[in-house]
Amino acid sequence: MIGVVPVEDAQRRAYDANLDLVLISASPDNPVCKIMDYGKFVFEQEKKKREARKNQKTVNVKEVQLKLTTEEHDLDVKVRNARRFLEAGDRVKVVIRFRGREMTHTDQGYGVMEDFADAVSDVGSVDRQAKSEGRNMIMFLSPLKD
């Protein structure tokens, strides 16, 4: 800690020490500089970024497609797959595709979505409620927090 010094004095001190004058904080009223090796400073910054990226968990979105007329056993298979995805920490997008005259029975689709959400309620919760978008009805489930 040297304190407040003129720029020319700071540059001269850095040159005498065979180091660089590095601007740490560029606030207009009080700029902060350090005398250090700039290459080492850049390397340390990159190392911190790499470490942060390594510790970051990416959340994938897996999709489970249903139909309004999906039979009981097939629905159980889809529920089992969704449970597996949620236990792995992924979000699940549940889609019901309405075909032909099924569009008149979208209320049944909400019932199917509700039953699906109840079946996986112990490992996941509804992130976004079932919503009809064109010929599809979409609901998102997210894993429960530990």
N, C-alpha and C. Protein backbone atom coordinates (compact mmCIF):
# COMPACT_ATOMS: atom_id res chain seq x y z
N MET A 1 0.85 -1.18 0.00
CA MET A 1 0.00 0.00 0.00
C MET A 1 0.89 1.24 0.00
N ILE A 2 0.85 1.94 -1.10
CA ILE A 2 1.64 3.16 -1.20
C ILE A 2 0.74 4.37 -0.95
N GLY A 3 -0.49 4.29 -1.40
CA GLY A 3 -1.41 5.40 -1.24
C GLY A 3 -1.65 6.09 -2.57
N VAL A 4 -2.12 7.31 -2.52
CA VAL A 4 -2.43 8.06 -3.73
C VAL A 4 -1.14 8.67 -4.27
N VAL A 5 -0.80 8.29 -5.52
CA VAL A 5 0.39 8.83 -6.18
C VAL A 5 0.03 9.24 -7.60
N PRO A 6 0.77 10.17 -8.20
CA PRO A 6 0.52 10.52 -9.60
C PRO A 6 0.83 9.34 -10.52
N VAL A 7 0.19 9.33 -11.69
CA VAL A 7 0.33 8.23 -12.64
C VAL A 7 1.79 8.09 -13.08
N GLU A 8 2.46 9.17 -13.35
CA GLU A 8 3.84 9.11 -13.82
C GLU A 8 4.74 8.46 -12.77
N ASP A 9 4.51 8.79 -11.50
CA ASP A 9 5.30 8.21 -10.42
C ASP A 9 5.06 6.70 -10.32
N ALA A 10 3.80 6.31 -10.46
CA ALA A 10 3.45 4.88 -10.39
C ALA A 10 4.08 4.14 -11.56
N GLN A 11 4.04 4.73 -12.76
CA GLN A 11 4.65 4.08 -13.93
C GLN A 11 6.16 3.95 -13.75
N ARG A 12 6.79 4.96 -13.19
CA ARG A 12 8.24 4.91 -12.97
C ARG A 12 8.59 3.81 -11.96
N ARG A 13 7.80 3.70 -10.89
CA ARG A 13 8.05 2.65 -9.88
C ARG A 13 7.89 1.26 -10.50
N ALA A 14 6.88 1.09 -11.33
CA ALA A 14 6.67 -0.20 -11.99
C ALA A 14 7.83 -0.51 -12.93
N TYR A 15 8.30 0.50 -13.67
CA TYR A 15 9.42 0.29 -14.60
C TYR A 15 10.68 -0.06 -13.84
N ASP A 16 10.92 0.59 -12.71
CA ASP A 16 12.11 0.32 -11.89
C ASP A 16 12.07 -1.10 -11.32
N ALA A 17 10.88 -1.58 -10.99
CA ALA A 17 10.74 -2.93 -10.43
C ALA A 17 10.65 -4.00 -11.51
N ASN A 18 10.72 -3.56 -12.80
CA ASN A 18 10.62 -4.47 -13.94
C ASN A 18 9.28 -5.22 -13.94
N LEU A 19 8.22 -4.52 -13.54
CA LEU A 19 6.87 -5.07 -13.50
C LEU A 19 5.93 -4.15 -14.29
N ASP A 20 4.63 -4.49 -14.29
CA ASP A 20 3.63 -3.72 -15.02
C ASP A 20 2.71 -3.00 -14.03
N LEU A 21 2.17 -1.87 -14.48
CA LEU A 21 1.16 -1.14 -13.72
C LEU A 21 -0.20 -1.60 -14.24
N VAL A 22 -0.95 -2.36 -13.41
CA VAL A 22 -2.20 -2.98 -13.84
C VAL A 22 -3.37 -2.24 -13.20
N LEU A 23 -4.33 -1.83 -14.05
CA LEU A 23 -5.53 -1.16 -13.58
C LEU A 23 -6.51 -2.21 -13.05
N ILE A 24 -6.78 -2.20 -11.75
CA ILE A 24 -7.66 -3.18 -11.13
C ILE A 24 -9.11 -2.71 -11.15
N SER A 25 -9.36 -1.47 -10.73
CA SER A 25 -10.70 -0.91 -10.71
C SER A 25 -10.66 0.43 -11.44
N ALA A 26 -11.47 0.54 -12.48
CA ALA A 26 -11.42 1.72 -13.33
C ALA A 26 -12.51 2.73 -12.99
N SER A 27 -12.82 2.91 -11.72
CA SER A 27 -13.84 3.90 -11.36
C SER A 27 -13.28 5.30 -11.66
N PRO A 28 -14.11 6.19 -12.22
CA PRO A 28 -13.58 7.49 -12.64
C PRO A 28 -13.10 8.37 -11.49
N ASP A 29 -13.69 8.27 -10.31
CA ASP A 29 -13.28 9.15 -9.21
C ASP A 29 -12.10 8.60 -8.42
N ASN A 30 -11.92 7.25 -8.41
CA ASN A 30 -10.83 6.67 -7.64
C ASN A 30 -10.32 5.41 -8.34
N PRO A 31 -9.49 5.52 -9.38
CA PRO A 31 -8.96 4.32 -10.04
C PRO A 31 -7.93 3.62 -9.14
N VAL A 32 -7.97 2.30 -9.14
CA VAL A 32 -7.05 1.52 -8.31
C VAL A 32 -6.12 0.74 -9.24
N CYS A 33 -4.83 0.86 -9.01
CA CYS A 33 -3.82 0.17 -9.80
C CYS A 33 -2.90 -0.62 -8.87
N LYS A 34 -2.29 -1.67 -9.45
CA LYS A 34 -1.30 -2.46 -8.71
C LYS A 34 -0.07 -2.63 -9.58
N ILE A 35 1.06 -2.73 -8.92
CA ILE A 35 2.31 -3.03 -9.63
C ILE A 35 2.51 -4.53 -9.51
N MET A 36 2.41 -5.22 -10.66
CA MET A 36 2.53 -6.69 -10.67
C MET A 36 2.88 -7.16 -12.07
N ASP A 37 3.10 -8.46 -12.21
CA ASP A 37 3.35 -9.07 -13.50
C ASP A 37 2.00 -9.29 -14.20
N TYR A 38 1.79 -8.62 -15.34
CA TYR A 38 0.49 -8.67 -16.01
C TYR A 38 0.17 -10.07 -16.54
N GLY A 39 1.16 -10.78 -17.04
CA GLY A 39 0.94 -12.14 -17.55
C GLY A 39 0.43 -13.07 -16.45
N LYS A 40 1.03 -12.94 -15.27
CA LYS A 40 0.61 -13.76 -14.13
C LYS A 40 -0.82 -13.38 -13.72
N PHE A 41 -1.15 -12.08 -13.76
CA PHE A 41 -2.49 -11.60 -13.41
C PHE A 41 -3.54 -12.20 -14.35
N VAL A 42 -3.27 -12.18 -15.67
CA VAL A 42 -4.20 -12.74 -16.65
C VAL A 42 -4.36 -14.24 -16.43
N PHE A 43 -3.25 -14.93 -16.16
CA PHE A 43 -3.31 -16.38 -15.92
C PHE A 43 -4.18 -16.70 -14.71
N GLU A 44 -4.03 -15.93 -13.63
CA GLU A 44 -4.83 -16.15 -12.42
C GLU A 44 -6.32 -15.92 -12.70
N GLN A 45 -6.64 -14.88 -13.48
CA GLN A 45 -8.04 -14.60 -13.82
C GLN A 45 -8.65 -15.76 -14.62
N GLU A 46 -7.90 -16.27 -15.61
CA GLU A 46 -8.38 -17.41 -16.41
C GLU A 46 -8.56 -18.65 -15.54
N LYS A 47 -7.64 -18.84 -14.61
CA LYS A 47 -7.72 -20.00 -13.71
C LYS A 47 -8.99 -19.93 -12.86
N LYS A 48 -9.33 -18.73 -12.37
CA LYS A 48 -10.56 -18.56 -11.59
C LYS A 48 -11.79 -18.85 -12.43
N LYS A 49 -11.78 -18.38 -13.69
CA LYS A 49 -12.92 -18.63 -14.59
C LYS A 49 -13.09 -20.12 -14.86
N ARG A 50 -11.97 -20.81 -15.12
CA ARG A 50 -12.03 -22.25 -15.37
C ARG A 50 -12.58 -23.00 -14.15
N GLU A 51 -12.13 -22.60 -12.97
CA GLU A 51 -12.58 -23.24 -11.73
C GLU A 51 -14.08 -23.03 -11.54
N ALA A 52 -14.54 -21.82 -11.80
CA ALA A 52 -15.97 -21.52 -11.65
C ALA A 52 -16.79 -22.32 -12.66
N ARG A 53 -16.27 -22.45 -13.88
CA ARG A 53 -16.99 -23.20 -14.91
C ARG A 53 -17.03 -24.69 -14.57
N LYS A 54 -15.95 -25.19 -13.95
CA LYS A 54 -15.89 -26.61 -13.60
C LYS A 54 -16.89 -26.94 -12.49
N ASN A 55 -17.07 -26.01 -11.54
CA ASN A 55 -17.98 -26.25 -10.42
C ASN A 55 -19.43 -25.97 -10.77
N GLN A 56 -19.68 -25.45 -11.96
CA GLN A 56 -21.04 -25.11 -12.37
C GLN A 56 -21.75 -26.36 -12.87
N LYS A 57 -22.99 -26.55 -12.45
CA LYS A 57 -23.76 -27.71 -12.89
C LYS A 57 -24.72 -27.30 -13.98
N THR A 58 -24.64 -27.98 -15.11
CA THR A 58 -25.57 -27.69 -16.21
C THR A 58 -26.82 -28.53 -16.02
N VAL A 59 -27.97 -27.92 -16.24
CA VAL A 59 -29.24 -28.61 -16.10
C VAL A 59 -29.78 -28.89 -17.48
N ASN A 60 -29.95 -30.17 -17.79
CA ASN A 60 -30.50 -30.57 -19.08
C ASN A 60 -32.01 -30.65 -18.98
N VAL A 61 -32.67 -30.48 -20.12
CA VAL A 61 -34.12 -30.63 -20.19
C VAL A 61 -34.40 -31.88 -21.01
N LYS A 62 -34.99 -32.87 -20.36
CA LYS A 62 -35.38 -34.11 -21.03
C LYS A 62 -36.85 -34.03 -21.36
N GLU A 63 -37.26 -34.64 -22.45
CA GLU A 63 -38.65 -34.55 -22.89
C GLU A 63 -39.33 -35.92 -22.83
N VAL A 64 -40.56 -35.91 -22.32
CA VAL A 64 -41.40 -37.10 -22.29
C VAL A 64 -42.67 -36.76 -23.06
N GLN A 65 -42.95 -37.51 -24.12
CA GLN A 65 -44.13 -37.23 -24.94
C GLN A 65 -45.24 -38.21 -24.62
N LEU A 66 -46.42 -37.67 -24.46
CA LEU A 66 -47.62 -38.47 -24.21
C LEU A 66 -48.66 -38.19 -25.28
N LYS A 67 -49.66 -39.04 -25.31
CA LYS A 67 -50.85 -38.77 -26.12
C LYS A 67 -52.04 -38.85 -25.19
N LEU A 68 -53.12 -38.31 -25.62
CA LEU A 68 -54.32 -38.32 -24.80
C LEU A 68 -54.79 -39.75 -24.55
N THR A 69 -54.50 -40.65 -25.48
CA THR A 69 -54.97 -42.03 -25.39
C THR A 69 -53.87 -42.99 -24.96
N THR A 70 -52.84 -42.51 -24.28
CA THR A 70 -51.76 -43.38 -23.82
C THR A 70 -52.29 -44.37 -22.79
N GLU A 71 -52.01 -45.65 -23.02
CA GLU A 71 -52.52 -46.70 -22.14
C GLU A 71 -51.77 -46.69 -20.80
N GLU A 72 -52.31 -47.41 -19.84
CA GLU A 72 -51.81 -47.41 -18.46
C GLU A 72 -50.36 -47.87 -18.37
N HIS A 73 -50.05 -49.00 -19.03
CA HIS A 73 -48.69 -49.54 -18.93
C HIS A 73 -47.70 -48.58 -19.60
N ASP A 74 -48.05 -48.05 -20.76
CA ASP A 74 -47.17 -47.11 -21.45
C ASP A 74 -46.95 -45.85 -20.61
N LEU A 75 -48.00 -45.41 -19.93
CA LEU A 75 -47.89 -44.26 -19.05
C LEU A 75 -46.94 -44.56 -17.89
N ASP A 76 -47.00 -45.79 -17.37
CA ASP A 76 -46.09 -46.19 -16.30
C ASP A 76 -44.63 -46.16 -16.76
N VAL A 77 -44.37 -46.57 -18.00
CA VAL A 77 -43.02 -46.54 -18.55
C VAL A 77 -42.54 -45.08 -18.65
N LYS A 78 -43.42 -44.19 -19.13
CA LYS A 78 -43.06 -42.78 -19.25
C LYS A 78 -42.80 -42.16 -17.87
N VAL A 79 -43.61 -42.55 -16.88
CA VAL A 79 -43.42 -42.05 -15.51
C VAL A 79 -42.09 -42.54 -14.97
N ARG A 80 -41.76 -43.79 -15.23
CA ARG A 80 -40.49 -44.35 -14.74
C ARG A 80 -39.31 -43.62 -15.37
N ASN A 81 -39.40 -43.31 -16.68
CA ASN A 81 -38.33 -42.56 -17.34
C ASN A 81 -38.21 -41.15 -16.76
N ALA A 82 -39.34 -40.50 -16.52
CA ALA A 82 -39.32 -39.14 -15.97
C ALA A 82 -38.72 -39.16 -14.57
N ARG A 83 -39.05 -40.16 -13.77
CA ARG A 83 -38.49 -40.28 -12.42
C ARG A 83 -36.96 -40.43 -12.50
N ARG A 84 -36.50 -41.22 -13.45
CA ARG A 84 -35.06 -41.44 -13.63
C ARG A 84 -34.37 -40.12 -13.99
N PHE A 85 -34.99 -39.35 -14.90
CA PHE A 85 -34.43 -38.06 -15.29
C PHE A 85 -34.38 -37.10 -14.11
N LEU A 86 -35.45 -37.05 -13.33
CA LEU A 86 -35.51 -36.13 -12.19
C LEU A 86 -34.50 -36.52 -11.12
N GLU A 87 -34.32 -37.81 -10.90
CA GLU A 87 -33.34 -38.26 -9.90
C GLU A 87 -31.92 -37.93 -10.34
N ALA A 88 -31.70 -37.86 -11.66
CA ALA A 88 -30.38 -37.49 -12.18
C ALA A 88 -30.16 -35.98 -12.14
N GLY A 89 -31.19 -35.22 -11.75
CA GLY A 89 -31.04 -33.77 -11.61
C GLY A 89 -31.45 -32.98 -12.84
N ASP A 90 -32.08 -33.63 -13.81
CA ASP A 90 -32.50 -32.94 -15.03
C ASP A 90 -33.94 -32.46 -14.91
N ARG A 91 -34.27 -31.40 -15.65
CA ARG A 91 -35.66 -30.96 -15.74
C ARG A 91 -36.37 -31.82 -16.77
N VAL A 92 -37.68 -31.98 -16.63
CA VAL A 92 -38.45 -32.81 -17.55
C VAL A 92 -39.54 -31.97 -18.18
N LYS A 93 -39.61 -32.04 -19.50
CA LYS A 93 -40.66 -31.36 -20.26
C LYS A 93 -41.65 -32.43 -20.68
N VAL A 94 -42.88 -32.32 -20.19
CA VAL A 94 -43.93 -33.29 -20.51
C VAL A 94 -44.81 -32.67 -21.59
N VAL A 95 -44.96 -33.38 -22.71
CA VAL A 95 -45.70 -32.85 -23.85
C VAL A 95 -46.82 -33.82 -24.22
N ILE A 96 -48.02 -33.29 -24.37
CA ILE A 96 -49.13 -34.05 -24.94
C ILE A 96 -49.44 -33.44 -26.29
N ARG A 97 -49.39 -34.26 -27.33
CA ARG A 97 -49.70 -33.78 -28.68
C ARG A 97 -51.12 -34.22 -29.01
N PHE A 98 -51.95 -33.24 -29.30
CA PHE A 98 -53.34 -33.51 -29.68
C PHE A 98 -53.42 -33.66 -31.19
N ARG A 99 -54.08 -34.75 -31.64
CA ARG A 99 -54.19 -35.00 -33.08
C ARG A 99 -55.66 -35.01 -33.47
N GLY A 100 -55.94 -34.40 -34.58
CA GLY A 100 -57.29 -34.44 -35.14
C GLY A 100 -58.34 -33.88 -34.21
N ARG A 101 -59.36 -34.68 -33.93
CA ARG A 101 -60.49 -34.23 -33.11
C ARG A 101 -60.18 -34.22 -31.62
N GLU A 102 -58.98 -34.65 -31.25
CA GLU A 102 -58.60 -34.61 -29.83
C GLU A 102 -58.52 -33.18 -29.32
N MET A 103 -58.40 -32.21 -30.22
CA MET A 103 -58.30 -30.80 -29.82
C MET A 103 -59.53 -30.35 -29.04
N THR A 104 -60.65 -31.00 -29.25
CA THR A 104 -61.87 -30.62 -28.52
C THR A 104 -61.85 -31.12 -27.08
N HIS A 105 -60.91 -32.01 -26.75
CA HIS A 105 -60.85 -32.60 -25.40
C HIS A 105 -59.59 -32.17 -24.65
N THR A 106 -59.23 -30.90 -24.74
CA THR A 106 -58.03 -30.43 -24.03
C THR A 106 -58.20 -30.52 -22.53
N ASP A 107 -59.46 -30.48 -22.04
CA ASP A 107 -59.68 -30.60 -20.60
C ASP A 107 -59.22 -31.96 -20.08
N GLN A 108 -59.33 -33.00 -20.89
CA GLN A 108 -58.82 -34.32 -20.50
C GLN A 108 -57.29 -34.30 -20.43
N GLY A 109 -56.69 -33.50 -21.28
CA GLY A 109 -55.23 -33.37 -21.27
C GLY A 109 -54.73 -32.81 -19.95
N TYR A 110 -55.46 -31.83 -19.39
CA TYR A 110 -55.07 -31.28 -18.08
C TYR A 110 -55.14 -32.38 -17.01
N GLY A 111 -56.14 -33.26 -17.12
CA GLY A 111 -56.26 -34.37 -16.17
C GLY A 111 -55.09 -35.32 -16.27
N VAL A 112 -54.68 -35.64 -17.50
CA VAL A 112 -53.54 -36.54 -17.71
C VAL A 112 -52.27 -35.91 -17.14
N MET A 113 -52.09 -34.61 -17.38
CA MET A 113 -50.91 -33.92 -16.85
C MET A 113 -50.90 -33.92 -15.32
N GLU A 114 -52.06 -33.71 -14.74
CA GLU A 114 -52.17 -33.70 -13.28
C GLU A 114 -51.83 -35.07 -12.70
N ASP A 115 -52.33 -36.14 -13.34
CA ASP A 115 -52.02 -37.50 -12.89
C ASP A 115 -50.52 -37.78 -13.02
N PHE A 116 -49.91 -37.30 -14.11
CA PHE A 116 -48.48 -37.50 -14.33
C PHE A 116 -47.68 -36.80 -13.24
N ALA A 117 -48.08 -35.55 -12.93
CA ALA A 117 -47.37 -34.79 -11.89
C ALA A 117 -47.51 -35.46 -10.53
N ASP A 118 -48.68 -36.03 -10.24
CA ASP A 118 -48.88 -36.73 -8.97
C ASP A 118 -48.01 -37.98 -8.89
N ALA A 119 -47.81 -38.65 -10.04
CA ALA A 119 -47.04 -39.89 -10.05
C ALA A 119 -45.55 -39.64 -9.75
N VAL A 120 -45.05 -38.46 -10.08
CA VAL A 120 -43.63 -38.17 -9.86
C VAL A 120 -43.43 -37.14 -8.74
N SER A 121 -44.46 -36.90 -7.95
CA SER A 121 -44.41 -35.83 -6.94
C SER A 121 -43.37 -36.07 -5.85
N ASP A 122 -42.95 -37.32 -5.62
CA ASP A 122 -41.96 -37.57 -4.57
C ASP A 122 -40.53 -37.26 -5.01
N VAL A 123 -40.26 -37.16 -6.34
CA VAL A 123 -38.92 -36.83 -6.81
C VAL A 123 -38.87 -35.50 -7.55
N GLY A 124 -40.02 -34.95 -7.92
CA GLY A 124 -40.03 -33.70 -8.67
C GLY A 124 -41.28 -32.90 -8.41
N SER A 125 -41.19 -31.61 -8.71
CA SER A 125 -42.34 -30.73 -8.53
C SER A 125 -42.62 -30.01 -9.84
N VAL A 126 -43.84 -29.51 -9.97
CA VAL A 126 -44.24 -28.81 -11.18
C VAL A 126 -43.54 -27.45 -11.20
N ASP A 127 -42.74 -27.25 -12.23
CA ASP A 127 -42.00 -26.00 -12.39
C ASP A 127 -42.87 -24.99 -13.14
N ARG A 128 -43.54 -25.44 -14.17
CA ARG A 128 -44.47 -24.61 -14.93
C ARG A 128 -45.72 -25.42 -15.20
N GLN A 129 -46.86 -24.91 -14.81
CA GLN A 129 -48.12 -25.62 -14.94
C GLN A 129 -48.40 -25.96 -16.41
N ALA A 130 -49.26 -26.96 -16.61
CA ALA A 130 -49.65 -27.38 -17.95
C ALA A 130 -50.31 -26.22 -18.67
N LYS A 131 -49.85 -25.99 -19.90
CA LYS A 131 -50.35 -24.88 -20.69
C LYS A 131 -50.50 -25.34 -22.12
N SER A 132 -51.62 -25.01 -22.72
CA SER A 132 -51.89 -25.42 -24.09
C SER A 132 -51.27 -24.42 -25.05
N GLU A 133 -50.44 -24.92 -25.96
CA GLU A 133 -49.79 -24.09 -26.97
C GLU A 133 -50.02 -24.72 -28.34
N GLY A 134 -51.01 -24.23 -29.04
CA GLY A 134 -51.34 -24.80 -30.35
C GLY A 134 -51.90 -26.19 -30.19
N ARG A 135 -51.31 -27.15 -30.86
CA ARG A 135 -51.76 -28.55 -30.75
C ARG A 135 -51.05 -29.31 -29.64
N ASN A 136 -50.21 -28.64 -28.89
CA ASN A 136 -49.45 -29.28 -27.81
C ASN A 136 -49.87 -28.72 -26.46
N MET A 137 -49.73 -29.54 -25.44
CA MET A 137 -49.88 -29.09 -24.07
C MET A 137 -48.55 -29.39 -23.39
N ILE A 138 -47.96 -28.38 -22.76
CA ILE A 138 -46.60 -28.52 -22.22
C ILE A 138 -46.60 -28.22 -20.72
N MET A 139 -45.85 -29.04 -19.97
CA MET A 139 -45.66 -28.85 -18.54
C MET A 139 -44.20 -29.15 -18.23
N PHE A 140 -43.61 -28.37 -17.33
CA PHE A 140 -42.22 -28.60 -16.93
C PHE A 140 -42.17 -29.07 -15.49
N LEU A 141 -41.33 -30.08 -15.24
CA LEU A 141 -41.11 -30.60 -13.88
C LEU A 141 -39.64 -30.37 -13.55
N SER A 142 -39.38 -30.02 -12.31
CA SER A 142 -37.99 -29.86 -11.87
C SER A 142 -37.74 -30.76 -10.67
N PRO A 143 -36.49 -31.20 -10.50
CA PRO A 143 -36.19 -32.09 -9.36
C PRO A 143 -36.33 -31.35 -8.04
N LEU A 144 -36.69 -32.09 -6.99
CA LEU A 144 -36.81 -31.51 -5.67
C LEU A 144 -35.43 -31.16 -5.14
N LYS A 145 -35.33 -30.10 -4.38
CA LYS A 145 -34.07 -29.69 -3.78
C LYS A 145 -33.74 -30.63 -2.61
N ASP A 146 -32.45 -30.89 -2.41
CA ASP A 146 -32.03 -31.77 -1.31
C ASP A 146 -32.15 -31.04 0.01
